[in-house]
Amino acid sequence: SDNVGGFDHNVKLSENRAQAVREYVVQQGVAASRVFYKGYGPTV
């Protein structure tokens, strides 16, 4: 995420963003055990 807003909010937002992509990939037939996700917020 960018750095607009609170740090915790941005970490959660970035985590939700990554989780949504993971869910889509898994729904398309990729094993969930192969797809991890993490929200980095504005740290990178």
ModelCIF file with pLDDT and N, C-alpha, C, O atoms, coordinates in Angstrom:
data_MODEL
#
_entry.id   MODEL 
#
_entity.id                         1 
_entity.type                       polymer 
_entity.pdbx_number_of_molecules   1 
#
_entity_poly.entity_id                      1 
_entity_poly.type                           'polypeptide(L)' 
_entity_poly.nstd_linkage                   no 
_entity_poly.nstd_monomer                   no 
_entity_poly.pdbx_seq_one_letter_code       SDNVGGFDHNVKLSENRAQAVREYVVQQGVAASRVFYKGYGPTV 
_entity_poly.pdbx_seq_one_letter_code_can   SDNVGGFDHNVKLSENRAQAVREYVVQQGVAASRVFYKGYGPTV 
_entity_poly.pdbx_strand_id                 A 
#
loop_
_entity_poly_seq.entity_id 
_entity_poly_seq.num 
_entity_poly_seq.mon_id 
_entity_poly_seq.hetero 
1 1  SER n 
1 2  ASP n 
1 3  ASN n 
1 4  VAL n 
1 5  GLY n 
1 6  GLY n 
1 7  PHE n 
1 8  ASP n 
1 9  HIS n 
1 10 ASN n 
1 11 VAL n 
1 12 LYS n 
1 13 LEU n 
1 14 SER n 
1 15 GLU n 
1 16 ASN n 
1 17 ARG n 
1 18 ALA n 
1 19 GLN n 
1 20 ALA n 
1 21 VAL n 
1 22 ARG n 
1 23 GLU n 
1 24 TYR n 
1 25 VAL n 
1 26 VAL n 
1 27 GLN n 
1 28 GLN n 
1 29 GLY n 
1 30 VAL n 
1 31 ALA n 
1 32 ALA n 
1 33 SER n 
1 34 ARG n 
1 35 VAL n 
1 36 PHE n 
1 37 TYR n 
1 38 LYS n 
1 39 GLY n 
1 40 TYR n 
1 41 GLY n 
1 42 PRO n 
1 43 THR n 
1 44 VAL n 
#
_struct_asym.id          A 
_struct_asym.entity_id   1 
#
loop_
_ma_qa_metric.id 
_ma_qa_metric.mode 
_ma_qa_metric.name 
_ma_qa_metric.software_group_id 
_ma_qa_metric.type 
1 global pLDDT . pLDDT 
2 local  pLDDT . pLDDT 
#
_ma_qa_metric_global.metric_id      1 
_ma_qa_metric_global.metric_value   97.23 
_ma_qa_metric_global.model_id       1 
_ma_qa_metric_global.ordinal_id     1 
#
loop_
_ma_qa_metric_local.label_asym_id 
_ma_qa_metric_local.label_comp_id 
_ma_qa_metric_local.label_seq_id 
_ma_qa_metric_local.metric_id 
_ma_qa_metric_local.metric_value 
_ma_qa_metric_local.model_id 
_ma_qa_metric_local.ordinal_id 
A SER 1  2 97.00 1 1  
A ASP 2  2 98.00 1 2  
A ASN 3  2 97.00 1 3  
A VAL 4  2 96.00 1 4  
A GLY 5  2 95.00 1 5  
A GLY 6  2 96.00 1 6  
A PHE 7  2 97.00 1 7  
A ASP 8  2 97.00 1 8  
A HIS 9  2 97.00 1 9  
A ASN 10 2 98.00 1 10 
A VAL 11 2 98.00 1 11 
A LYS 12 2 98.00 1 12 
A LEU 13 2 97.00 1 13 
A SER 14 2 98.00 1 14 
A GLU 15 2 98.00 1 15 
A ASN 16 2 97.00 1 16 
A ARG 17 2 96.00 1 17 
A ALA 18 2 98.00 1 18 
A GLN 19 2 98.00 1 19 
A ALA 20 2 96.00 1 20 
A VAL 21 2 96.00 1 21 
A ARG 22 2 97.00 1 22 
A GLU 23 2 97.00 1 23 
A TYR 24 2 96.00 1 24 
A VAL 25 2 97.00 1 25 
A VAL 26 2 98.00 1 26 
A GLN 27 2 97.00 1 27 
A GLN 28 2 96.00 1 28 
A GLY 29 2 96.00 1 29 
A VAL 30 2 97.00 1 30 
A ALA 31 2 97.00 1 31 
A ALA 32 2 98.00 1 32 
A SER 33 2 97.00 1 33 
A ARG 34 2 98.00 1 34 
A VAL 35 2 98.00 1 35 
A PHE 36 2 98.00 1 36 
A TYR 37 2 98.00 1 37 
A LYS 38 2 98.00 1 38 
A GLY 39 2 98.00 1 39 
A TYR 40 2 98.00 1 40 
A GLY 41 2 98.00 1 41 
A PRO 42 2 98.00 1 42 
A THR 43 2 98.00 1 43 
A VAL 44 2 97.00 1 44 
#
loop_
_atom_site.group_PDB 
_atom_site.id 
_atom_site.type_symbol 
_atom_site.label_atom_id 
_atom_site.label_alt_id 
_atom_site.label_comp_id 
_atom_site.label_asym_id 
_atom_site.label_entity_id 
_atom_site.label_seq_id 
_atom_site.pdbx_PDB_ins_code 
_atom_site.Cartn_x 
_atom_site.Cartn_y 
_atom_site.Cartn_z 
_atom_site.occupancy 
_atom_site.B_iso_or_equiv 
_atom_site.pdbx_formal_charge 
_atom_site.auth_seq_id 
_atom_site.auth_comp_id 
_atom_site.auth_asym_id 
_atom_site.auth_atom_id 
_atom_site.pdbx_PDB_model_num 
ATOM 1   N N  . SER A 1 1  ? 0.843   -1.195  0.000   1.00 97.00 ? 1  SER A N  1 
ATOM 2   C CA . SER A 1 1  ? 0.000   0.000   0.000   1.00 97.00 ? 1  SER A CA 1 
ATOM 3   C C  . SER A 1 1  ? 0.879   1.246   0.000   1.00 97.00 ? 1  SER A C  1 
ATOM 4   O O  . SER A 1 1  ? 2.099   1.167   0.138   1.00 97.00 ? 1  SER A O  1 
ATOM 5   N N  . ASP A 1 2  ? 0.231   2.392   -0.157  1.00 98.00 ? 2  ASP A N  1 
ATOM 6   C CA . ASP A 1 2  ? 0.948   3.651   0.024   1.00 98.00 ? 2  ASP A CA 1 
ATOM 7   C C  . ASP A 1 2  ? 0.958   3.984   1.514   1.00 98.00 ? 2  ASP A C  1 
ATOM 8   O O  . ASP A 1 2  ? 0.573   3.152   2.336   1.00 98.00 ? 2  ASP A O  1 
ATOM 9   N N  . ASN A 1 3  ? 1.394   5.194   1.869   1.00 97.00 ? 3  ASN A N  1 
ATOM 10  C CA . ASN A 1 3  ? 1.475   5.536   3.289   1.00 97.00 ? 3  ASN A CA 1 
ATOM 11  C C  . ASN A 1 3  ? 0.376   6.500   3.740   1.00 97.00 ? 3  ASN A C  1 
ATOM 12  O O  . ASN A 1 3  ? 0.486   7.110   4.803   1.00 97.00 ? 3  ASN A O  1 
ATOM 13  N N  . VAL A 1 4  ? -0.669  6.637   2.947   1.00 96.00 ? 4  VAL A N  1 
ATOM 14  C CA . VAL A 1 4  ? -1.774  7.514   3.322   1.00 96.00 ? 4  VAL A CA 1 
ATOM 15  C C  . VAL A 1 4  ? -2.667  6.779   4.314   1.00 96.00 ? 4  VAL A C  1 
ATOM 16  O O  . VAL A 1 4  ? -3.108  5.660   4.049   1.00 96.00 ? 4  VAL A O  1 
ATOM 17  N N  . GLY A 1 5  ? -2.931  7.403   5.450   1.00 95.00 ? 5  GLY A N  1 
ATOM 18  C CA . GLY A 1 5  ? -3.730  6.752   6.496   1.00 95.00 ? 5  GLY A CA 1 
ATOM 19  C C  . GLY A 1 5  ? -2.841  6.105   7.528   1.00 95.00 ? 5  GLY A C  1 
ATOM 20  O O  . GLY A 1 5  ? -1.617  6.210   7.462   1.00 95.00 ? 5  GLY A O  1 
ATOM 21  N N  . GLY A 1 6  ? -3.446  5.446   8.467   1.00 96.00 ? 6  GLY A N  1 
ATOM 22  C CA . GLY A 1 6  ? -2.704  4.813   9.547   1.00 96.00 ? 6  GLY A CA 1 
ATOM 23  C C  . GLY A 1 6  ? -1.948  3.573   9.105   1.00 96.00 ? 6  GLY A C  1 
ATOM 24  O O  . GLY A 1 6  ? -2.346  2.890   8.162   1.00 96.00 ? 6  GLY A O  1 
ATOM 25  N N  . PHE A 1 7  ? -0.866  3.294   9.792   1.00 97.00 ? 7  PHE A N  1 
ATOM 26  C CA . PHE A 1 7  ? -0.026  2.143   9.463   1.00 97.00 ? 7  PHE A CA 1 
ATOM 27  C C  . PHE A 1 7  ? -0.810  0.838   9.543   1.00 97.00 ? 7  PHE A C  1 
ATOM 28  O O  . PHE A 1 7  ? -0.792  0.044   8.602   1.00 97.00 ? 7  PHE A O  1 
ATOM 29  N N  . ASP A 1 8  ? -1.495  0.611   10.656  1.00 97.00 ? 8  ASP A N  1 
ATOM 30  C CA . ASP A 1 8  ? -2.241  -0.640  10.825  1.00 97.00 ? 8  ASP A CA 1 
ATOM 31  C C  . ASP A 1 8  ? -3.309  -0.808  9.756   1.00 97.00 ? 8  ASP A C  1 
ATOM 32  O O  . ASP A 1 8  ? -3.527  -1.912  9.257   1.00 97.00 ? 8  ASP A O  1 
ATOM 33  N N  . HIS A 1 9  ? -3.975  0.283   9.405   1.00 97.00 ? 9  HIS A N  1 
ATOM 34  C CA . HIS A 1 9  ? -4.988  0.241   8.350   1.00 97.00 ? 9  HIS A CA 1 
ATOM 35  C C  . HIS A 1 9  ? -4.357  -0.182  7.027   1.00 97.00 ? 9  HIS A C  1 
ATOM 36  O O  . HIS A 1 9  ? -4.922  -1.003  6.305   1.00 97.00 ? 9  HIS A O  1 
ATOM 37  N N  . ASN A 1 10 ? -3.197  0.371   6.707   1.00 98.00 ? 10 ASN A N  1 
ATOM 38  C CA . ASN A 1 10 ? -2.540  0.045   5.446   1.00 98.00 ? 10 ASN A CA 1 
ATOM 39  C C  . ASN A 1 10 ? -2.032  -1.390  5.405   1.00 98.00 ? 10 ASN A C  1 
ATOM 40  O O  . ASN A 1 10 ? -2.060  -2.028  4.353   1.00 98.00 ? 10 ASN A O  1 
ATOM 41  N N  . VAL A 1 11 ? -1.572  -1.897  6.537   1.00 98.00 ? 11 VAL A N  1 
ATOM 42  C CA . VAL A 1 11 ? -1.145  -3.297  6.579   1.00 98.00 ? 11 VAL A CA 1 
ATOM 43  C C  . VAL A 1 11 ? -2.345  -4.201  6.326   1.00 98.00 ? 11 VAL A C  1 
ATOM 44  O O  . VAL A 1 11 ? -2.255  -5.150  5.547   1.00 98.00 ? 11 VAL A O  1 
ATOM 45  N N  . LYS A 1 12 ? -3.474  -3.912  6.984   1.00 98.00 ? 12 LYS A N  1 
ATOM 46  C CA . LYS A 1 12 ? -4.682  -4.715  6.788   1.00 98.00 ? 12 LYS A CA 1 
ATOM 47  C C  . LYS A 1 12 ? -5.180  -4.610  5.342   1.00 98.00 ? 12 LYS A C  1 
ATOM 48  O O  . LYS A 1 12 ? -5.575  -5.613  4.746   1.00 98.00 ? 12 LYS A O  1 
ATOM 49  N N  . LEU A 1 13 ? -5.161  -3.405  4.784   1.00 97.00 ? 13 LEU A N  1 
ATOM 50  C CA . LEU A 1 13 ? -5.575  -3.206  3.397   1.00 97.00 ? 13 LEU A CA 1 
ATOM 51  C C  . LEU A 1 13 ? -4.707  -4.025  2.449   1.00 97.00 ? 13 LEU A C  1 
ATOM 52  O O  . LEU A 1 13 ? -5.220  -4.672  1.536   1.00 97.00 ? 13 LEU A O  1 
ATOM 53  N N  . SER A 1 14 ? -3.407  -3.998  2.661   1.00 98.00 ? 14 SER A N  1 
ATOM 54  C CA . SER A 1 14 ? -2.511  -4.750  1.776   1.00 98.00 ? 14 SER A CA 1 
ATOM 55  C C  . SER A 1 14 ? -2.685  -6.257  1.967   1.00 98.00 ? 14 SER A C  1 
ATOM 56  O O  . SER A 1 14 ? -2.561  -7.023  1.012   1.00 98.00 ? 14 SER A O  1 
ATOM 57  N N  . GLU A 1 15 ? -2.969  -6.675  3.180   1.00 98.00 ? 15 GLU A N  1 
ATOM 58  C CA . GLU A 1 15 ? -3.227  -8.093  3.441   1.00 98.00 ? 15 GLU A CA 1 
ATOM 59  C C  . GLU A 1 15 ? -4.508  -8.543  2.738   1.00 98.00 ? 15 GLU A C  1 
ATOM 60  O O  . GLU A 1 15 ? -4.551  -9.618  2.139   1.00 98.00 ? 15 GLU A O  1 
ATOM 61  N N  . ASN A 1 16 ? -5.535  -7.722  2.815   1.00 97.00 ? 16 ASN A N  1 
ATOM 62  C CA . ASN A 1 16 ? -6.794  -8.039  2.125   1.00 97.00 ? 16 ASN A CA 1 
ATOM 63  C C  . ASN A 1 16 ? -6.586  -8.115  0.622   1.00 97.00 ? 16 ASN A C  1 
ATOM 64  O O  . ASN A 1 16 ? -7.160  -8.974  -0.046  1.00 97.00 ? 16 ASN A O  1 
ATOM 65  N N  . ARG A 1 17 ? -5.777  -7.230  0.097   1.00 96.00 ? 17 ARG A N  1 
ATOM 66  C CA . ARG A 1 17 ? -5.467  -7.212  -1.342  1.00 96.00 ? 17 ARG A CA 1 
ATOM 67  C C  . ARG A 1 17 ? -4.798  -8.528  -1.737  1.00 96.00 ? 17 ARG A C  1 
ATOM 68  O O  . ARG A 1 17 ? -5.187  -9.152  -2.725  1.00 96.00 ? 17 ARG A O  1 
ATOM 69  N N  . ALA A 1 18 ? -3.801  -8.946  -0.973  1.00 98.00 ? 18 ALA A N  1 
ATOM 70  C CA . ALA A 1 18 ? -3.083  -10.188 -1.275  1.00 98.00 ? 18 ALA A CA 1 
ATOM 71  C C  . ALA A 1 18 ? -3.984  -11.410 -1.095  1.00 98.00 ? 18 ALA A C  1 
ATOM 72  O O  . ALA A 1 18 ? -3.930  -12.348 -1.890  1.00 98.00 ? 18 ALA A O  1 
ATOM 73  N N  . GLN A 1 19 ? -4.800  -11.395 -0.061  1.00 98.00 ? 19 GLN A N  1 
ATOM 74  C CA . GLN A 1 19 ? -5.695  -12.516 0.203   1.00 98.00 ? 19 GLN A CA 1 
ATOM 75  C C  . GLN A 1 19 ? -6.716  -12.680 -0.923  1.00 98.00 ? 19 GLN A C  1 
ATOM 76  O O  . GLN A 1 19 ? -7.047  -13.805 -1.296  1.00 98.00 ? 19 GLN A O  1 
ATOM 77  N N  . ALA A 1 20 ? -7.209  -11.590 -1.455  1.00 96.00 ? 20 ALA A N  1 
ATOM 78  C CA . ALA A 1 20 ? -8.174  -11.669 -2.560  1.00 96.00 ? 20 ALA A CA 1 
ATOM 79  C C  . ALA A 1 20 ? -7.550  -12.333 -3.781  1.00 96.00 ? 20 ALA A C  1 
ATOM 80  O O  . ALA A 1 20 ? -8.200  -13.128 -4.459  1.00 96.00 ? 20 ALA A O  1 
ATOM 81  N N  . VAL A 1 21 ? -6.305  -12.010 -4.059  1.00 96.00 ? 21 VAL A N  1 
ATOM 82  C CA . VAL A 1 21 ? -5.612  -12.639 -5.190  1.00 96.00 ? 21 VAL A CA 1 
ATOM 83  C C  . VAL A 1 21 ? -5.413  -14.126 -4.908  1.00 96.00 ? 21 VAL A C  1 
ATOM 84  O O  . VAL A 1 21 ? -5.632  -14.957 -5.789  1.00 96.00 ? 21 VAL A O  1 
ATOM 85  N N  . ARG A 1 22 ? -5.003  -14.464 -3.699  1.00 97.00 ? 22 ARG A N  1 
ATOM 86  C CA . ARG A 1 22 ? -4.818  -15.870 -3.340  1.00 97.00 ? 22 ARG A CA 1 
ATOM 87  C C  . ARG A 1 22 ? -6.116  -16.647 -3.522  1.00 97.00 ? 22 ARG A C  1 
ATOM 88  O O  . ARG A 1 22 ? -6.120  -17.728 -4.110  1.00 97.00 ? 22 ARG A O  1 
ATOM 89  N N  . GLU A 1 23 ? -7.208  -16.100 -3.020  1.00 97.00 ? 23 GLU A N  1 
ATOM 90  C CA . GLU A 1 23 ? -8.497  -16.778 -3.136  1.00 97.00 ? 23 GLU A CA 1 
ATOM 91  C C  . GLU A 1 23 ? -8.863  -17.025 -4.598  1.00 97.00 ? 23 GLU A C  1 
ATOM 92  O O  . GLU A 1 23 ? -9.370  -18.095 -4.937  1.00 97.00 ? 23 GLU A O  1 
ATOM 93  N N  . TYR A 1 24 ? -8.612  -16.056 -5.456  1.00 96.00 ? 24 TYR A N  1 
ATOM 94  C CA . TYR A 1 24 ? -8.914  -16.225 -6.877  1.00 96.00 ? 24 TYR A CA 1 
ATOM 95  C C  . TYR A 1 24 ? -8.061  -17.347 -7.480  1.00 96.00 ? 24 TYR A C  1 
ATOM 96  O O  . TYR A 1 24 ? -8.566  -18.199 -8.211  1.00 96.00 ? 24 TYR A O  1 
ATOM 97  N N  . VAL A 1 25 ? -6.773  -17.336 -7.166  1.00 97.00 ? 25 VAL A N  1 
ATOM 98  C CA . VAL A 1 25 ? -5.857  -18.348 -7.706  1.00 97.00 ? 25 VAL A CA 1 
ATOM 99  C C  . VAL A 1 25 ? -6.289  -19.742 -7.246  1.00 97.00 ? 25 VAL A C  1 
ATOM 100 O O  . VAL A 1 25 ? -6.295  -20.683 -8.039  1.00 97.00 ? 25 VAL A O  1 
ATOM 101 N N  . VAL A 1 26 ? -6.643  -19.874 -5.990  1.00 98.00 ? 26 VAL A N  1 
ATOM 102 C CA . VAL A 1 26 ? -7.077  -21.172 -5.456  1.00 98.00 ? 26 VAL A CA 1 
ATOM 103 C C  . VAL A 1 26 ? -8.401  -21.592 -6.099  1.00 98.00 ? 26 VAL A C  1 
ATOM 104 O O  . VAL A 1 26 ? -8.582  -22.768 -6.413  1.00 98.00 ? 26 VAL A O  1 
ATOM 105 N N  . GLN A 1 27 ? -9.320  -20.662 -6.298  1.00 97.00 ? 27 GLN A N  1 
ATOM 106 C CA . GLN A 1 27 ? -10.602 -20.975 -6.955  1.00 97.00 ? 27 GLN A CA 1 
ATOM 107 C C  . GLN A 1 27 ? -10.404 -21.477 -8.377  1.00 97.00 ? 27 GLN A C  1 
ATOM 108 O O  . GLN A 1 27 ? -11.256 -22.184 -8.916  1.00 97.00 ? 27 GLN A O  1 
ATOM 109 N N  . GLN A 1 28 ? -9.280  -21.112 -8.985  1.00 96.00 ? 28 GLN A N  1 
ATOM 110 C CA . GLN A 1 28 ? -9.007  -21.541 -10.357 1.00 96.00 ? 28 GLN A CA 1 
ATOM 111 C C  . GLN A 1 28 ? -8.273  -22.872 -10.416 1.00 96.00 ? 28 GLN A C  1 
ATOM 112 O O  . GLN A 1 28 ? -7.826  -23.287 -11.485 1.00 96.00 ? 28 GLN A O  1 
ATOM 113 N N  . GLY A 1 29 ? -8.144  -23.552 -9.264  1.00 96.00 ? 29 GLY A N  1 
ATOM 114 C CA . GLY A 1 29 ? -7.622  -24.904 -9.267  1.00 96.00 ? 29 GLY A CA 1 
ATOM 115 C C  . GLY A 1 29 ? -6.207  -25.088 -8.770  1.00 96.00 ? 29 GLY A C  1 
ATOM 116 O O  . GLY A 1 29 ? -5.681  -26.199 -8.832  1.00 96.00 ? 29 GLY A O  1 
ATOM 117 N N  . VAL A 1 30 ? -5.571  -24.038 -8.277  1.00 97.00 ? 30 VAL A N  1 
ATOM 118 C CA . VAL A 1 30 ? -4.226  -24.174 -7.720  1.00 97.00 ? 30 VAL A CA 1 
ATOM 119 C C  . VAL A 1 30 ? -4.369  -24.558 -6.247  1.00 97.00 ? 30 VAL A C  1 
ATOM 120 O O  . VAL A 1 30 ? -5.155  -23.949 -5.522  1.00 97.00 ? 30 VAL A O  1 
ATOM 121 N N  . ALA A 1 31 ? -3.622  -25.555 -5.805  1.00 97.00 ? 31 ALA A N  1 
ATOM 122 C CA . ALA A 1 31 ? -3.717  -26.032 -4.426  1.00 97.00 ? 31 ALA A CA 1 
ATOM 123 C C  . ALA A 1 31 ? -3.389  -24.913 -3.439  1.00 97.00 ? 31 ALA A C  1 
ATOM 124 O O  . ALA A 1 31 ? -2.385  -24.216 -3.587  1.00 97.00 ? 31 ALA A O  1 
ATOM 125 N N  . ALA A 1 32 ? -4.235  -24.754 -2.444  1.00 98.00 ? 32 ALA A N  1 
ATOM 126 C CA . ALA A 1 32 ? -4.054  -23.707 -1.437  1.00 98.00 ? 32 ALA A CA 1 
ATOM 127 C C  . ALA A 1 32 ? -2.717  -23.855 -0.709  1.00 98.00 ? 32 ALA A C  1 
ATOM 128 O O  . ALA A 1 32 ? -2.138  -22.862 -0.269  1.00 98.00 ? 32 ALA A O  1 
ATOM 129 N N  . SER A 1 33 ? -2.234  -25.069 -0.584  1.00 97.00 ? 33 SER A N  1 
ATOM 130 C CA . SER A 1 33 ? -0.967  -25.309 0.116   1.00 97.00 ? 33 SER A CA 1 
ATOM 131 C C  . SER A 1 33 ? 0.239   -24.747 -0.632  1.00 97.00 ? 33 SER A C  1 
ATOM 132 O O  . SER A 1 33 ? 1.343   -24.705 -0.090  1.00 97.00 ? 33 SER A O  1 
ATOM 133 N N  . ARG A 1 34 ? 0.035   -24.320 -1.859  1.00 98.00 ? 34 ARG A N  1 
ATOM 134 C CA . ARG A 1 34 ? 1.123   -23.769 -2.672  1.00 98.00 ? 34 ARG A CA 1 
ATOM 135 C C  . ARG A 1 34 ? 1.101   -22.245 -2.737  1.00 98.00 ? 34 ARG A C  1 
ATOM 136 O O  . ARG A 1 34 ? 2.000   -21.632 -3.313  1.00 98.00 ? 34 ARG A O  1 
ATOM 137 N N  . VAL A 1 35 ? 0.081   -21.639 -2.151  1.00 98.00 ? 35 VAL A N  1 
ATOM 138 C CA . VAL A 1 35 ? -0.106  -20.197 -2.321  1.00 98.00 ? 35 VAL A CA 1 
ATOM 139 C C  . VAL A 1 35 ? -0.245  -19.535 -0.948  1.00 98.00 ? 35 VAL A C  1 
ATOM 140 O O  . VAL A 1 35 ? -1.257  -19.695 -0.266  1.00 98.00 ? 35 VAL A O  1 
ATOM 141 N N  . PHE A 1 36 ? 0.782   -18.797 -0.561  1.00 98.00 ? 36 PHE A N  1 
ATOM 142 C CA . PHE A 1 36 ? 0.774   -18.048 0.695   1.00 98.00 ? 36 PHE A CA 1 
ATOM 143 C C  . PHE A 1 36 ? 0.532   -16.579 0.380   1.00 98.00 ? 36 PHE A C  1 
ATOM 144 O O  . PHE A 1 36 ? 0.672   -16.153 -0.767  1.00 98.00 ? 36 PHE A O  1 
ATOM 145 N N  . TYR A 1 37 ? 0.171   -15.809 1.394   1.00 98.00 ? 37 TYR A N  1 
ATOM 146 C CA . TYR A 1 37 ? 0.003   -14.373 1.170   1.00 98.00 ? 37 TYR A CA 1 
ATOM 147 C C  . TYR A 1 37 ? 0.428   -13.600 2.398   1.00 98.00 ? 37 TYR A C  1 
ATOM 148 O O  . TYR A 1 37 ? 0.413   -14.116 3.516   1.00 98.00 ? 37 TYR A O  1 
ATOM 149 N N  . LYS A 1 38 ? 0.808   -12.357 2.172   1.00 98.00 ? 38 LYS A N  1 
ATOM 150 C CA . LYS A 1 38 ? 1.215   -11.485 3.272   1.00 98.00 ? 38 LYS A CA 1 
ATOM 151 C C  . LYS A 1 38 ? 0.999   -10.037 2.862   1.00 98.00 ? 38 LYS A C  1 
ATOM 152 O O  . LYS A 1 38 ? 1.248   -9.653  1.719   1.00 98.00 ? 38 LYS A O  1 
ATOM 153 N N  . GLY A 1 39 ? 0.533   -9.246  3.810   1.00 98.00 ? 39 GLY A N  1 
ATOM 154 C CA . GLY A 1 39 ? 0.385   -7.814  3.591   1.00 98.00 ? 39 GLY A CA 1 
ATOM 155 C C  . GLY A 1 39 ? 1.561   -7.066  4.189   1.00 98.00 ? 39 GLY A C  1 
ATOM 156 O O  . GLY A 1 39 ? 1.852   -7.201  5.377   1.00 98.00 ? 39 GLY A O  1 
ATOM 157 N N  . TYR A 1 40 ? 2.238   -6.277  3.365   1.00 98.00 ? 40 TYR A N  1 
ATOM 158 C CA . TYR A 1 40 ? 3.411   -5.532  3.800   1.00 98.00 ? 40 TYR A CA 1 
ATOM 159 C C  . TYR A 1 40 ? 3.108   -4.059  4.079   1.00 98.00 ? 40 TYR A C  1 
ATOM 160 O O  . TYR A 1 40 ? 3.987   -3.314  4.513   1.00 98.00 ? 40 TYR A O  1 
ATOM 161 N N  . GLY A 1 41 ? 1.876   -3.645  3.832   1.00 98.00 ? 41 GLY A N  1 
ATOM 162 C CA . GLY A 1 41 ? 1.524   -2.249  4.063   1.00 98.00 ? 41 GLY A CA 1 
ATOM 163 C C  . GLY A 1 41 ? 2.436   -1.315  3.289   1.00 98.00 ? 41 GLY A C  1 
ATOM 164 O O  . GLY A 1 41 ? 2.770   -1.589  2.136   1.00 98.00 ? 41 GLY A O  1 
ATOM 165 N N  . PRO A 1 42 ? 2.841   -0.215  3.911   1.00 98.00 ? 42 PRO A N  1 
ATOM 166 C CA . PRO A 1 42 ? 3.674   0.769   3.220   1.00 98.00 ? 42 PRO A CA 1 
ATOM 167 C C  . PRO A 1 42 ? 5.179   0.541   3.408   1.00 98.00 ? 42 PRO A C  1 
ATOM 168 O O  . PRO A 1 42 ? 5.971   1.433   3.105   1.00 98.00 ? 42 PRO A O  1 
ATOM 169 N N  . THR A 1 43 ? 5.587   -0.627  3.899   1.00 98.00 ? 43 THR A N  1 
ATOM 170 C CA . THR A 1 43 ? 6.980   -0.839  4.290   1.00 98.00 ? 43 THR A CA 1 
ATOM 171 C C  . THR A 1 43 ? 7.947   -1.094  3.136   1.00 98.00 ? 43 THR A C  1 
ATOM 172 O O  . THR A 1 43 ? 9.160   -1.009  3.327   1.00 98.00 ? 43 THR A O  1 
ATOM 173 N N  . VAL A 1 44 ? 7.434   -1.406  1.937   1.00 97.00 ? 44 VAL A N  1 
ATOM 174 C CA . VAL A 1 44 ? 8.314   -1.708  0.804   1.00 97.00 ? 44 VAL A CA 1 
ATOM 175 C C  . VAL A 1 44 ? 7.878   -0.877  -0.418  1.00 97.00 ? 44 VAL A C  1 
ATOM 176 O O  . VAL A 1 44 ? 8.488   -0.978  -1.483  1.00 97.00 ? 44 VAL A O  1 
#
